[in-house]
Amino acid sequence: MNDRFILAIDTSFGPVGGALLTLAGDVVASFEADNLAGTQAETLPPLVAQMFATSGASFKQLDRVAVTVGPGAFTGVRVGLAFAKGLRLATGAAILGVTTLECLAAQVARDVPEHAVGVAIDAKRGEVYAQAFDASVAPLTDPVAAAVESAASAFRKALAQPFVLTGSGAALLGLDARIVEAGRVDAKLLAKRMITADPARYPATPAYLRAPDAKLPS
């Protein structure tokens, strides 16, 4: 087997997912696990190893690793990035970090073409992680953690009709727009989108957007 591969992994929300594709876009293997939040570090490595073993692929054939960088669970984001960086050290593969906001927007844009997409993830405490995208998944706004009212106002200004909303915080916005469920991050689509993407546009840095709720005692 002489193919080069791209591996995509998602650990940002709790459940983990992964996909292994050739650079021609053919899906070699994939997995989804409904593990509990906080157990990504124990769940991810053996599932990735199993995916390589059952497909007959070698880690030496890795050309790229695409990883979600949040916003999402702090622990999950750290686990995914640490795993990706470990693979880079071991294989020399390039890493591309993609926000969960962009991943969800891309999934909705695939299923509902020719519509702009507003993504809002419930960040609790009356806030959402939010970003607006056009129908080609080009960003119309920067990713932010904002009060629900502020995010709704920004979407009204940035999103021209027709547009749809997605994400766990979409219903909180109170906008008169169709809400499309994106589900979990689709690792296969993430991998396909990153096959030819410029790594310089997708740095492997966490997109936390706000400080963690838990703080060390002073």
N, C-alpha and C. Protein backbone atom coordinates (compact mmCIF):
# COMPACT_ATOMS: atom_id res chain seq x y z
N MET A 1 0.85 -1.20 0.00
CA MET A 1 0.00 0.00 0.00
C MET A 1 0.88 1.24 0.00
N ASN A 2 0.84 2.02 -1.09
CA ASN A 2 1.71 3.19 -1.23
C ASN A 2 0.98 4.51 -1.06
N ASP A 3 -0.32 4.45 -0.72
CA ASP A 3 -1.08 5.68 -0.58
C ASP A 3 -0.58 6.50 0.59
N ARG A 4 -0.78 7.80 0.47
CA ARG A 4 -0.59 8.69 1.61
C ARG A 4 -1.97 9.03 2.15
N PHE A 5 -2.03 9.29 3.45
CA PHE A 5 -3.32 9.43 4.10
C PHE A 5 -3.46 10.74 4.87
N ILE A 6 -4.71 11.12 5.08
CA ILE A 6 -5.06 12.18 6.02
C ILE A 6 -5.94 11.57 7.11
N LEU A 7 -5.60 11.86 8.33
CA LEU A 7 -6.38 11.43 9.49
C LEU A 7 -7.10 12.64 10.06
N ALA A 8 -8.39 12.50 10.32
CA ALA A 8 -9.16 13.56 10.98
C ALA A 8 -9.67 13.04 12.31
N ILE A 9 -9.54 13.84 13.36
CA ILE A 9 -10.02 13.44 14.68
C ILE A 9 -10.79 14.58 15.32
N ASP A 10 -11.82 14.21 16.06
CA ASP A 10 -12.62 15.19 16.81
C ASP A 10 -12.80 14.71 18.23
N THR A 11 -12.41 15.54 19.18
CA THR A 11 -12.59 15.25 20.60
C THR A 11 -13.19 16.44 21.35
N SER A 12 -13.68 17.43 20.62
CA SER A 12 -14.02 18.71 21.24
C SER A 12 -15.25 18.70 22.13
N PHE A 13 -16.20 17.80 21.87
CA PHE A 13 -17.45 17.86 22.60
C PHE A 13 -17.65 16.72 23.60
N GLY A 14 -16.74 15.79 23.67
CA GLY A 14 -16.92 14.63 24.55
C GLY A 14 -16.77 13.36 23.75
N PRO A 15 -17.83 12.92 23.03
CA PRO A 15 -17.69 11.76 22.15
C PRO A 15 -16.60 12.01 21.12
N VAL A 16 -15.84 10.97 20.81
CA VAL A 16 -14.75 11.14 19.85
C VAL A 16 -15.10 10.50 18.52
N GLY A 17 -14.48 11.00 17.47
CA GLY A 17 -14.68 10.45 16.14
C GLY A 17 -13.40 10.58 15.35
N GLY A 18 -13.25 9.73 14.35
CA GLY A 18 -12.06 9.79 13.52
C GLY A 18 -12.34 9.21 12.15
N ALA A 19 -11.52 9.59 11.20
CA ALA A 19 -11.63 9.07 9.84
C ALA A 19 -10.27 9.08 9.20
N LEU A 20 -10.01 8.05 8.40
CA LEU A 20 -8.78 7.93 7.65
C LEU A 20 -9.11 7.89 6.17
N LEU A 21 -8.57 8.83 5.41
CA LEU A 21 -8.85 8.93 3.98
C LEU A 21 -7.55 8.98 3.20
N THR A 22 -7.60 8.52 1.96
CA THR A 22 -6.48 8.74 1.06
C THR A 22 -6.49 10.20 0.63
N LEU A 23 -5.40 10.67 0.08
CA LEU A 23 -5.34 12.05 -0.41
C LEU A 23 -6.15 12.23 -1.68
N ALA A 24 -6.67 11.12 -2.22
CA ALA A 24 -7.61 11.21 -3.34
C ALA A 24 -9.04 11.36 -2.84
N GLY A 25 -9.24 11.30 -1.53
CA GLY A 25 -10.56 11.49 -0.96
C GLY A 25 -11.33 10.22 -0.69
N ASP A 26 -10.70 9.07 -0.84
CA ASP A 26 -11.38 7.80 -0.58
C ASP A 26 -11.33 7.47 0.91
N VAL A 27 -12.48 7.10 1.47
CA VAL A 27 -12.55 6.76 2.89
C VAL A 27 -11.98 5.36 3.10
N VAL A 28 -10.96 5.26 3.94
CA VAL A 28 -10.33 3.97 4.26
C VAL A 28 -10.98 3.35 5.48
N ALA A 29 -11.23 4.16 6.51
CA ALA A 29 -11.84 3.68 7.74
C ALA A 29 -12.33 4.87 8.54
N SER A 30 -13.26 4.62 9.46
CA SER A 30 -13.76 5.68 10.33
C SER A 30 -14.33 5.06 11.59
N PHE A 31 -14.53 5.89 12.61
CA PHE A 31 -15.15 5.41 13.85
C PHE A 31 -15.85 6.56 14.54
N GLU A 32 -16.84 6.23 15.36
CA GLU A 32 -17.49 7.17 16.27
C GLU A 32 -17.68 6.45 17.59
N ALA A 33 -17.40 7.12 18.69
CA ALA A 33 -17.54 6.51 20.01
C ALA A 33 -18.35 7.43 20.91
N ASP A 34 -19.33 6.88 21.59
CA ASP A 34 -20.18 7.67 22.49
C ASP A 34 -19.64 7.59 23.92
N ASN A 35 -18.36 7.90 24.07
CA ASN A 35 -17.74 7.88 25.39
C ASN A 35 -18.17 9.08 26.20
N LEU A 36 -17.99 9.00 27.49
CA LEU A 36 -18.34 10.09 28.38
C LEU A 36 -17.34 11.24 28.24
N ALA A 37 -17.82 12.45 28.46
CA ALA A 37 -16.93 13.61 28.46
C ALA A 37 -15.85 13.42 29.50
N GLY A 38 -14.64 13.80 29.18
CA GLY A 38 -13.53 13.66 30.10
C GLY A 38 -12.75 12.37 29.93
N THR A 39 -13.23 11.48 29.05
CA THR A 39 -12.53 10.21 28.84
C THR A 39 -11.90 10.12 27.45
N GLN A 40 -11.76 11.26 26.80
CA GLN A 40 -11.21 11.25 25.44
C GLN A 40 -9.79 10.70 25.40
N ALA A 41 -8.99 11.01 26.42
CA ALA A 41 -7.59 10.57 26.43
C ALA A 41 -7.47 9.05 26.47
N GLU A 42 -8.43 8.40 27.12
CA GLU A 42 -8.42 6.94 27.18
C GLU A 42 -9.05 6.31 25.95
N THR A 43 -10.00 7.00 25.34
CA THR A 43 -10.77 6.43 24.23
C THR A 43 -10.09 6.59 22.88
N LEU A 44 -9.51 7.76 22.62
CA LEU A 44 -9.01 8.08 21.29
C LEU A 44 -7.86 7.20 20.80
N PRO A 45 -6.76 7.09 21.55
CA PRO A 45 -5.60 6.36 20.99
C PRO A 45 -5.88 4.92 20.56
N PRO A 46 -6.56 4.11 21.38
CA PRO A 46 -6.80 2.73 20.92
C PRO A 46 -7.72 2.65 19.71
N LEU A 47 -8.68 3.58 19.59
CA LEU A 47 -9.57 3.55 18.44
C LEU A 47 -8.82 3.93 17.16
N VAL A 48 -7.94 4.90 17.26
CA VAL A 48 -7.14 5.27 16.08
C VAL A 48 -6.21 4.11 15.71
N ALA A 49 -5.58 3.50 16.71
CA ALA A 49 -4.69 2.37 16.44
C ALA A 49 -5.44 1.22 15.79
N GLN A 50 -6.64 0.96 16.29
CA GLN A 50 -7.45 -0.12 15.72
C GLN A 50 -7.83 0.19 14.27
N MET A 51 -8.13 1.45 13.99
CA MET A 51 -8.51 1.85 12.64
C MET A 51 -7.35 1.60 11.67
N PHE A 52 -6.14 1.93 12.08
CA PHE A 52 -4.98 1.68 11.24
C PHE A 52 -4.74 0.18 11.08
N ALA A 53 -4.86 -0.57 12.17
CA ALA A 53 -4.56 -2.00 12.12
C ALA A 53 -5.54 -2.74 11.22
N THR A 54 -6.83 -2.43 11.35
CA THR A 54 -7.84 -3.16 10.57
C THR A 54 -7.82 -2.77 9.10
N SER A 55 -7.35 -1.56 8.78
CA SER A 55 -7.30 -1.11 7.39
C SER A 55 -6.01 -1.52 6.69
N GLY A 56 -5.01 -1.92 7.47
CA GLY A 56 -3.72 -2.25 6.89
C GLY A 56 -2.86 -1.05 6.60
N ALA A 57 -3.29 0.11 7.05
CA ALA A 57 -2.52 1.34 6.83
C ALA A 57 -1.40 1.44 7.87
N SER A 58 -0.39 2.23 7.55
CA SER A 58 0.73 2.46 8.45
C SER A 58 0.77 3.93 8.84
N PHE A 59 1.16 4.18 10.09
CA PHE A 59 1.30 5.57 10.52
C PHE A 59 2.36 6.29 9.70
N LYS A 60 3.31 5.55 9.14
CA LYS A 60 4.35 6.16 8.31
C LYS A 60 3.77 6.77 7.04
N GLN A 61 2.55 6.37 6.69
CA GLN A 61 1.91 6.89 5.47
C GLN A 61 1.11 8.16 5.72
N LEU A 62 1.11 8.64 6.96
CA LEU A 62 0.34 9.84 7.27
C LEU A 62 0.98 11.07 6.63
N ASP A 63 0.19 11.82 5.91
CA ASP A 63 0.63 13.06 5.29
C ASP A 63 0.09 14.27 6.05
N ARG A 64 -1.15 14.14 6.56
CA ARG A 64 -1.81 15.24 7.25
C ARG A 64 -2.65 14.71 8.40
N VAL A 65 -2.81 15.55 9.42
CA VAL A 65 -3.73 15.27 10.52
C VAL A 65 -4.60 16.51 10.71
N ALA A 66 -5.90 16.34 10.56
CA ALA A 66 -6.85 17.43 10.81
C ALA A 66 -7.49 17.20 12.17
N VAL A 67 -7.53 18.22 13.00
CA VAL A 67 -8.04 18.07 14.36
C VAL A 67 -8.92 19.26 14.71
N THR A 68 -10.02 18.99 15.40
CA THR A 68 -10.87 20.09 15.86
C THR A 68 -10.20 20.78 17.04
N VAL A 69 -10.30 22.11 17.06
CA VAL A 69 -9.59 22.90 18.07
C VAL A 69 -10.55 23.68 18.97
N GLY A 70 -11.84 23.30 18.98
CA GLY A 70 -12.81 24.00 19.77
C GLY A 70 -13.51 25.07 18.93
N PRO A 71 -14.37 25.85 19.55
CA PRO A 71 -14.73 25.79 20.96
C PRO A 71 -15.49 24.52 21.31
N GLY A 72 -15.34 24.13 22.58
CA GLY A 72 -15.95 22.92 23.08
C GLY A 72 -15.45 22.67 24.48
N ALA A 73 -15.31 21.41 24.85
CA ALA A 73 -14.82 21.06 26.17
C ALA A 73 -13.31 21.28 26.24
N PHE A 74 -12.85 21.95 27.28
CA PHE A 74 -11.43 22.27 27.39
C PHE A 74 -10.58 21.00 27.37
N THR A 75 -10.98 20.00 28.14
CA THR A 75 -10.21 18.75 28.20
C THR A 75 -10.15 18.09 26.84
N GLY A 76 -11.29 18.02 26.16
CA GLY A 76 -11.33 17.38 24.85
C GLY A 76 -10.44 18.07 23.85
N VAL A 77 -10.47 19.39 23.82
CA VAL A 77 -9.64 20.15 22.88
C VAL A 77 -8.16 19.86 23.14
N ARG A 78 -7.76 19.86 24.40
CA ARG A 78 -6.35 19.59 24.74
C ARG A 78 -5.94 18.19 24.32
N VAL A 79 -6.83 17.22 24.54
CA VAL A 79 -6.51 15.83 24.19
C VAL A 79 -6.29 15.69 22.69
N GLY A 80 -7.21 16.24 21.89
CA GLY A 80 -7.09 16.14 20.45
C GLY A 80 -5.82 16.79 19.92
N LEU A 81 -5.52 17.98 20.40
CA LEU A 81 -4.33 18.68 19.94
C LEU A 81 -3.05 17.96 20.36
N ALA A 82 -3.02 17.45 21.60
CA ALA A 82 -1.83 16.74 22.06
C ALA A 82 -1.60 15.48 21.24
N PHE A 83 -2.68 14.78 20.92
CA PHE A 83 -2.55 13.56 20.12
C PHE A 83 -2.05 13.89 18.72
N ALA A 84 -2.61 14.94 18.11
CA ALA A 84 -2.19 15.34 16.77
C ALA A 84 -0.73 15.75 16.76
N LYS A 85 -0.31 16.50 17.76
CA LYS A 85 1.08 16.96 17.80
C LYS A 85 2.03 15.78 18.04
N GLY A 86 1.58 14.78 18.80
CA GLY A 86 2.39 13.58 18.96
C GLY A 86 2.58 12.86 17.64
N LEU A 87 1.53 12.79 16.84
CA LEU A 87 1.65 12.16 15.53
C LEU A 87 2.58 12.95 14.61
N ARG A 88 2.54 14.26 14.73
CA ARG A 88 3.45 15.08 13.91
C ARG A 88 4.91 14.78 14.25
N LEU A 89 5.19 14.67 15.54
CA LEU A 89 6.56 14.36 15.96
C LEU A 89 6.99 12.99 15.47
N ALA A 90 6.06 12.03 15.49
CA ALA A 90 6.39 10.65 15.12
C ALA A 90 6.47 10.44 13.62
N THR A 91 5.67 11.20 12.86
CA THR A 91 5.54 10.91 11.43
C THR A 91 5.93 12.07 10.52
N GLY A 92 6.01 13.28 11.05
CA GLY A 92 6.27 14.45 10.22
C GLY A 92 5.04 14.98 9.50
N ALA A 93 3.88 14.43 9.80
CA ALA A 93 2.64 14.87 9.15
C ALA A 93 2.32 16.31 9.52
N ALA A 94 1.74 17.04 8.57
CA ALA A 94 1.28 18.40 8.83
C ALA A 94 0.00 18.35 9.65
N ILE A 95 -0.18 19.32 10.54
CA ILE A 95 -1.40 19.41 11.35
C ILE A 95 -2.22 20.59 10.89
N LEU A 96 -3.53 20.38 10.76
CA LEU A 96 -4.46 21.46 10.45
C LEU A 96 -5.51 21.50 11.55
N GLY A 97 -5.64 22.64 12.21
CA GLY A 97 -6.61 22.81 13.27
C GLY A 97 -7.85 23.54 12.76
N VAL A 98 -9.00 22.93 12.94
CA VAL A 98 -10.25 23.47 12.39
C VAL A 98 -11.24 23.66 13.54
N THR A 99 -11.88 24.82 13.57
CA THR A 99 -12.84 25.06 14.65
C THR A 99 -14.08 24.20 14.48
N THR A 100 -14.70 23.91 15.60
CA THR A 100 -15.97 23.17 15.55
C THR A 100 -17.05 23.99 14.86
N LEU A 101 -16.96 25.30 14.96
CA LEU A 101 -17.92 26.18 14.30
C LEU A 101 -17.87 25.98 12.79
N GLU A 102 -16.67 25.95 12.24
CA GLU A 102 -16.52 25.75 10.80
C GLU A 102 -16.96 24.35 10.39
N CYS A 103 -16.61 23.36 11.22
CA CYS A 103 -17.01 21.98 10.91
C CYS A 103 -18.52 21.85 10.80
N LEU A 104 -19.24 22.41 11.76
CA LEU A 104 -20.71 22.31 11.74
C LEU A 104 -21.28 23.10 10.57
N ALA A 105 -20.70 24.27 10.28
CA ALA A 105 -21.17 25.06 9.15
C ALA A 105 -21.00 24.29 7.84
N ALA A 106 -19.87 23.61 7.69
CA ALA A 106 -19.60 22.86 6.46
C ALA A 106 -20.59 21.71 6.29
N GLN A 107 -20.95 21.07 7.40
CA GLN A 107 -21.91 19.97 7.32
C GLN A 107 -23.29 20.46 6.88
N VAL A 108 -23.70 21.59 7.42
CA VAL A 108 -25.00 22.15 7.05
C VAL A 108 -24.97 22.66 5.62
N ALA A 109 -23.87 23.31 5.23
CA ALA A 109 -23.76 23.82 3.86
C ALA A 109 -23.81 22.68 2.84
N ARG A 110 -23.29 21.53 3.21
CA ARG A 110 -23.36 20.36 2.33
C ARG A 110 -24.80 19.89 2.18
N ASP A 111 -25.54 19.89 3.28
CA ASP A 111 -26.91 19.35 3.27
C ASP A 111 -27.96 20.37 2.83
N VAL A 112 -27.66 21.65 3.03
CA VAL A 112 -28.59 22.72 2.65
C VAL A 112 -27.81 23.73 1.81
N PRO A 113 -27.56 23.42 0.55
CA PRO A 113 -26.73 24.29 -0.29
C PRO A 113 -27.38 25.65 -0.56
N GLU A 114 -26.54 26.60 -0.95
CA GLU A 114 -26.96 27.94 -1.33
C GLU A 114 -27.63 28.70 -0.18
N HIS A 115 -27.25 28.38 1.03
CA HIS A 115 -27.73 29.11 2.20
C HIS A 115 -26.52 29.51 3.06
N ALA A 116 -26.53 30.74 3.53
CA ALA A 116 -25.57 31.13 4.56
C ALA A 116 -25.90 30.37 5.84
N VAL A 117 -24.91 30.25 6.73
CA VAL A 117 -25.10 29.45 7.95
C VAL A 117 -24.61 30.22 9.17
N GLY A 118 -25.46 30.32 10.16
CA GLY A 118 -25.07 30.86 11.45
C GLY A 118 -24.92 29.72 12.44
N VAL A 119 -23.76 29.58 13.05
CA VAL A 119 -23.52 28.50 14.02
C VAL A 119 -23.46 29.10 15.41
N ALA A 120 -24.24 28.53 16.31
CA ALA A 120 -24.25 28.97 17.70
C ALA A 120 -24.22 27.75 18.61
N ILE A 121 -23.17 27.64 19.40
CA ILE A 121 -23.02 26.55 20.36
C ILE A 121 -23.26 27.09 21.75
N ASP A 122 -24.14 26.43 22.49
CA ASP A 122 -24.48 26.88 23.84
C ASP A 122 -23.24 26.85 24.73
N ALA A 123 -22.83 28.01 25.21
CA ALA A 123 -21.66 28.13 26.08
C ALA A 123 -22.06 28.28 27.55
N LYS A 124 -23.38 28.18 27.82
CA LYS A 124 -23.91 28.34 29.18
C LYS A 124 -23.72 29.78 29.65
N ARG A 125 -24.24 30.08 30.82
CA ARG A 125 -24.13 31.41 31.43
C ARG A 125 -24.68 32.51 30.52
N GLY A 126 -25.69 32.17 29.69
CA GLY A 126 -26.29 33.16 28.83
C GLY A 126 -25.47 33.55 27.63
N GLU A 127 -24.49 32.72 27.28
CA GLU A 127 -23.61 33.02 26.15
C GLU A 127 -23.64 31.88 25.13
N VAL A 128 -23.22 32.21 23.94
CA VAL A 128 -23.03 31.20 22.89
C VAL A 128 -21.68 31.44 22.23
N TYR A 129 -21.09 30.37 21.72
CA TYR A 129 -19.97 30.49 20.80
C TYR A 129 -20.60 30.63 19.42
N ALA A 130 -20.25 31.65 18.69
CA ALA A 130 -20.99 31.94 17.46
C ALA A 130 -20.08 32.41 16.34
N GLN A 131 -20.49 32.08 15.11
CA GLN A 131 -19.82 32.58 13.92
C GLN A 131 -20.76 32.41 12.74
N ALA A 132 -20.70 33.37 11.82
CA ALA A 132 -21.52 33.34 10.61
C ALA A 132 -20.64 33.00 9.40
N PHE A 133 -21.21 32.22 8.49
CA PHE A 133 -20.51 31.79 7.29
C PHE A 133 -21.41 31.99 6.07
N ASP A 134 -20.79 32.21 4.91
CA ASP A 134 -21.59 32.27 3.69
C ASP A 134 -21.82 30.85 3.17
N ALA A 135 -22.47 30.72 2.04
CA ALA A 135 -22.84 29.40 1.54
C ALA A 135 -21.64 28.55 1.14
N SER A 136 -20.48 29.18 0.92
CA SER A 136 -19.28 28.43 0.59
C SER A 136 -18.42 28.15 1.82
N VAL A 137 -18.96 28.46 3.01
CA VAL A 137 -18.30 28.26 4.31
C VAL A 137 -17.13 29.22 4.51
N ALA A 138 -17.15 30.33 3.80
CA ALA A 138 -16.20 31.41 4.09
C ALA A 138 -16.74 32.21 5.27
N PRO A 139 -15.91 32.54 6.24
CA PRO A 139 -16.41 33.25 7.43
C PRO A 139 -16.86 34.67 7.12
N LEU A 140 -18.01 35.04 7.68
CA LEU A 140 -18.53 36.40 7.58
C LEU A 140 -18.25 37.20 8.84
N THR A 141 -18.02 36.51 9.94
CA THR A 141 -17.68 37.15 11.22
C THR A 141 -16.58 36.34 11.88
N ASP A 142 -15.95 36.93 12.87
CA ASP A 142 -14.96 36.20 13.66
C ASP A 142 -15.67 35.29 14.66
N PRO A 143 -15.04 34.19 15.06
CA PRO A 143 -15.63 33.37 16.11
C PRO A 143 -15.56 34.09 17.45
N VAL A 144 -16.67 34.08 18.19
CA VAL A 144 -16.72 34.80 19.45
C VAL A 144 -17.50 34.00 20.49
N ALA A 145 -17.24 34.33 21.75
CA ALA A 145 -18.12 33.94 22.84
C ALA A 145 -18.87 35.21 23.22
N ALA A 146 -20.18 35.20 23.03
CA ALA A 146 -20.94 36.43 23.20
C ALA A 146 -22.27 36.15 23.89
N ALA A 147 -22.83 37.18 24.49
CA ALA A 147 -24.17 37.06 25.05
C ALA A 147 -25.13 36.71 23.92
N VAL A 148 -26.17 35.96 24.27
CA VAL A 148 -27.13 35.50 23.27
C VAL A 148 -27.66 36.66 22.45
N GLU A 149 -28.02 37.75 23.11
CA GLU A 149 -28.60 38.89 22.40
C GLU A 149 -27.59 39.50 21.43
N SER A 150 -26.33 39.58 21.83
CA SER A 150 -25.30 40.14 20.97
C SER A 150 -25.06 39.26 19.75
N ALA A 151 -25.05 37.94 19.96
CA ALA A 151 -24.85 37.02 18.85
C ALA A 151 -26.01 37.11 17.86
N ALA A 152 -27.24 37.20 18.38
CA ALA A 152 -28.40 37.32 17.50
C ALA A 152 -28.33 38.59 16.67
N SER A 153 -27.92 39.69 17.30
CA SER A 153 -27.80 40.96 16.58
C SER A 153 -26.73 40.87 15.49
N ALA A 154 -25.60 40.23 15.81
CA ALA A 154 -24.52 40.10 14.83
C ALA A 154 -24.97 39.25 13.64
N PHE A 155 -25.73 38.20 13.90
CA PHE A 155 -26.23 37.36 12.82
C PHE A 155 -27.20 38.12 11.93
N ARG A 156 -28.05 38.96 12.52
CA ARG A 156 -29.00 39.74 11.72
C ARG A 156 -28.26 40.64 10.73
N LYS A 157 -27.13 41.18 11.16
CA LYS A 157 -26.35 42.08 10.30
C LYS A 157 -25.53 41.32 9.27
N ALA A 158 -25.01 40.16 9.65
CA ALA A 158 -24.05 39.47 8.78
C ALA A 158 -24.68 38.51 7.80
N LEU A 159 -25.82 37.93 8.16
CA LEU A 159 -26.39 36.85 7.36
C LEU A 159 -27.49 37.38 6.44
N ALA A 160 -27.21 37.36 5.15
CA ALA A 160 -28.23 37.74 4.17
C ALA A 160 -29.11 36.52 3.87
N GLN A 161 -30.34 36.77 3.54
CA GLN A 161 -31.25 35.68 3.17
C GLN A 161 -30.83 35.06 1.84
N PRO A 162 -31.01 33.75 1.67
CA PRO A 162 -31.53 32.83 2.67
C PRO A 162 -30.43 32.31 3.59
N PHE A 163 -30.74 32.12 4.87
CA PHE A 163 -29.76 31.56 5.78
C PHE A 163 -30.44 30.59 6.73
N VAL A 164 -29.63 29.71 7.30
CA VAL A 164 -30.11 28.74 8.28
C VAL A 164 -29.21 28.83 9.51
N LEU A 165 -29.69 28.26 10.60
CA LEU A 165 -28.93 28.21 11.85
C LEU A 165 -28.66 26.77 12.24
N THR A 166 -27.58 26.58 12.98
CA THR A 166 -27.29 25.24 13.50
C THR A 166 -26.53 25.37 14.81
N GLY A 167 -26.41 24.26 15.52
CA GLY A 167 -25.68 24.25 16.79
C GLY A 167 -26.61 24.19 17.98
N SER A 168 -26.05 23.78 19.10
CA SER A 168 -26.85 23.59 20.32
C SER A 168 -27.41 24.88 20.88
N GLY A 169 -26.88 26.03 20.44
CA GLY A 169 -27.38 27.32 20.92
C GLY A 169 -28.25 28.04 19.92
N ALA A 170 -28.55 27.41 18.77
CA ALA A 170 -29.29 28.10 17.72
C ALA A 170 -30.68 28.54 18.17
N ALA A 171 -31.37 27.67 18.91
CA ALA A 171 -32.73 28.00 19.34
C ALA A 171 -32.75 29.14 20.36
N LEU A 172 -31.64 29.37 21.04
CA LEU A 172 -31.58 30.43 22.04
C LEU A 172 -31.62 31.82 21.43
N LEU A 173 -31.27 31.92 20.15
CA LEU A 173 -31.12 33.23 19.51
C LEU A 173 -32.44 33.92 19.25
N GLY A 174 -33.51 33.16 19.12
CA GLY A 174 -34.82 33.74 18.87
C GLY A 174 -34.97 34.35 17.49
N LEU A 175 -34.17 33.89 16.53
CA LEU A 175 -34.26 34.41 15.18
C LEU A 175 -35.28 33.64 14.36
N ASP A 176 -35.90 34.34 13.43
CA ASP A 176 -36.89 33.71 12.55
C ASP A 176 -36.15 33.05 11.39
N ALA A 177 -35.61 31.87 11.66
CA ALA A 177 -34.82 31.16 10.65
C ALA A 177 -34.93 29.67 10.92
N ARG A 178 -34.78 28.91 9.87
CA ARG A 178 -34.80 27.46 9.98
C ARG A 178 -33.57 26.98 10.74
N ILE A 179 -33.78 26.05 11.67
CA ILE A 179 -32.68 25.45 12.41
C ILE A 179 -32.43 24.05 11.84
N VAL A 180 -31.20 23.80 11.42
CA VAL A 180 -30.81 22.52 10.83
C VAL A 180 -29.88 21.81 11.79
N GLU A 181 -30.22 20.61 12.19
CA GLU A 181 -29.37 19.86 13.10
C GLU A 181 -28.14 19.35 12.35
N ALA A 182 -26.95 19.68 12.87
CA ALA A 182 -25.72 19.22 12.24
C ALA A 182 -25.22 17.93 12.88
N GLY A 183 -25.70 17.64 14.11
CA GLY A 183 -25.22 16.45 14.81
C GLY A 183 -23.80 16.64 15.30
N ARG A 184 -23.08 15.53 15.39
CA ARG A 184 -21.69 15.59 15.83
C ARG A 184 -20.81 15.98 14.65
N VAL A 185 -19.56 16.30 14.94
CA VAL A 185 -18.62 16.63 13.87
C VAL A 185 -18.41 15.40 12.98
N ASP A 186 -18.53 15.59 11.68
CA ASP A 186 -18.34 14.54 10.70
C ASP A 186 -16.86 14.47 10.34
N ALA A 187 -16.15 13.50 10.89
CA ALA A 187 -14.71 13.42 10.68
C ALA A 187 -14.37 13.14 9.22
N LYS A 188 -15.23 12.42 8.53
CA LYS A 188 -14.96 12.13 7.11
C LYS A 188 -15.01 13.42 6.28
N LEU A 189 -16.01 14.26 6.54
CA LEU A 189 -16.08 15.53 5.82
C LEU A 189 -14.92 16.44 6.21
N LEU A 190 -14.58 16.45 7.48
CA LEU A 190 -13.44 17.25 7.93
C LEU A 190 -12.18 16.85 7.17
N ALA A 191 -11.94 15.56 7.07
CA ALA A 191 -10.75 15.09 6.36
C ALA A 191 -10.79 15.51 4.90
N LYS A 192 -11.93 15.34 4.24
CA LYS A 192 -12.04 15.68 2.82
C LYS A 192 -11.76 17.16 2.58
N ARG A 193 -12.26 18.01 3.47
CA ARG A 193 -12.07 19.45 3.28
C ARG A 193 -10.62 19.88 3.50
N MET A 194 -9.88 19.11 4.30
CA MET A 194 -8.52 19.50 4.64
C MET A 194 -7.46 18.85 3.76
N ILE A 195 -7.85 18.04 2.79
CA ILE A 195 -6.87 17.37 1.92
C ILE A 195 -6.00 18.38 1.17
N THR A 196 -6.61 19.44 0.68
CA THR A 196 -5.87 20.43 -0.11
C THR A 196 -5.79 21.79 0.58
N ALA A 197 -6.28 21.88 1.81
CA ALA A 197 -6.26 23.17 2.52
C ALA A 197 -4.84 23.56 2.89
N ASP A 198 -4.61 24.86 2.99
CA ASP A 198 -3.31 25.40 3.35
C ASP A 198 -3.14 25.33 4.87
N PRO A 199 -2.17 24.56 5.38
CA PRO A 199 -1.99 24.48 6.83
C PRO A 199 -1.77 25.83 7.50
N ALA A 200 -1.22 26.78 6.76
CA ALA A 200 -0.99 28.11 7.35
C ALA A 200 -2.30 28.79 7.71
N ARG A 201 -3.39 28.43 7.03
CA ARG A 201 -4.70 29.01 7.34
C ARG A 201 -5.39 28.30 8.50
N TYR A 202 -4.86 27.15 8.88
CA TYR A 202 -5.49 26.35 9.91
C TYR A 202 -4.47 25.97 10.98
N PRO A 203 -4.04 26.94 11.79
CA PRO A 203 -3.04 26.64 12.82
C PRO A 203 -3.59 25.71 13.90
N ALA A 204 -2.72 24.89 14.43
CA ALA A 204 -3.12 23.93 15.47
C ALA A 204 -3.06 24.59 16.84
N THR A 205 -3.91 25.58 17.03
CA THR A 205 -3.99 26.29 18.31
C THR A 205 -5.43 26.24 18.81
N PRO A 206 -5.63 26.10 20.12
CA PRO A 206 -6.98 25.96 20.65
C PRO A 206 -7.82 27.22 20.47
N ALA A 207 -9.09 27.02 20.14
CA ALA A 207 -10.04 28.14 20.01
C ALA A 207 -10.98 28.08 21.20
N TYR A 208 -10.45 28.41 22.38
CA TYR A 208 -11.28 28.34 23.59
C TYR A 208 -12.32 29.45 23.62
N LEU A 209 -11.95 30.64 23.15
CA LEU A 209 -12.81 31.83 23.06
C LEU A 209 -13.13 32.47 24.40
N ARG A 210 -13.06 31.72 25.50
CA ARG A 210 -13.19 32.34 26.81
C ARG A 210 -12.45 31.48 27.83
N ALA A 211 -12.20 32.05 29.00
CA ALA A 211 -11.48 31.33 30.03
C ALA A 211 -12.31 30.17 30.57
N PRO A 212 -11.65 29.12 31.08
CA PRO A 212 -12.41 27.97 31.63
C PRO A 212 -13.22 28.37 32.84
N ASP A 213 -14.34 27.64 33.04
CA ASP A 213 -15.19 27.91 34.20
C ASP A 213 -14.48 27.53 35.50
N ALA A 214 -13.75 26.42 35.47
CA ALA A 214 -13.05 25.97 36.67
C ALA A 214 -11.73 26.71 36.78
N LYS A 215 -11.40 27.18 37.95
CA LYS A 215 -10.15 27.92 38.17
C LYS A 215 -9.39 27.31 39.33
N LEU A 216 -8.05 27.41 39.24
CA LEU A 216 -7.22 26.92 40.33
C LEU A 216 -7.37 27.85 41.54
N PRO A 217 -7.30 27.29 42.76
CA PRO A 217 -7.40 28.15 43.95
C PRO A 217 -6.21 29.09 44.04
N SER A 218 -6.46 30.31 44.48
CA SER A 218 -5.38 31.29 44.57
C SER A 218 -4.66 31.15 45.90
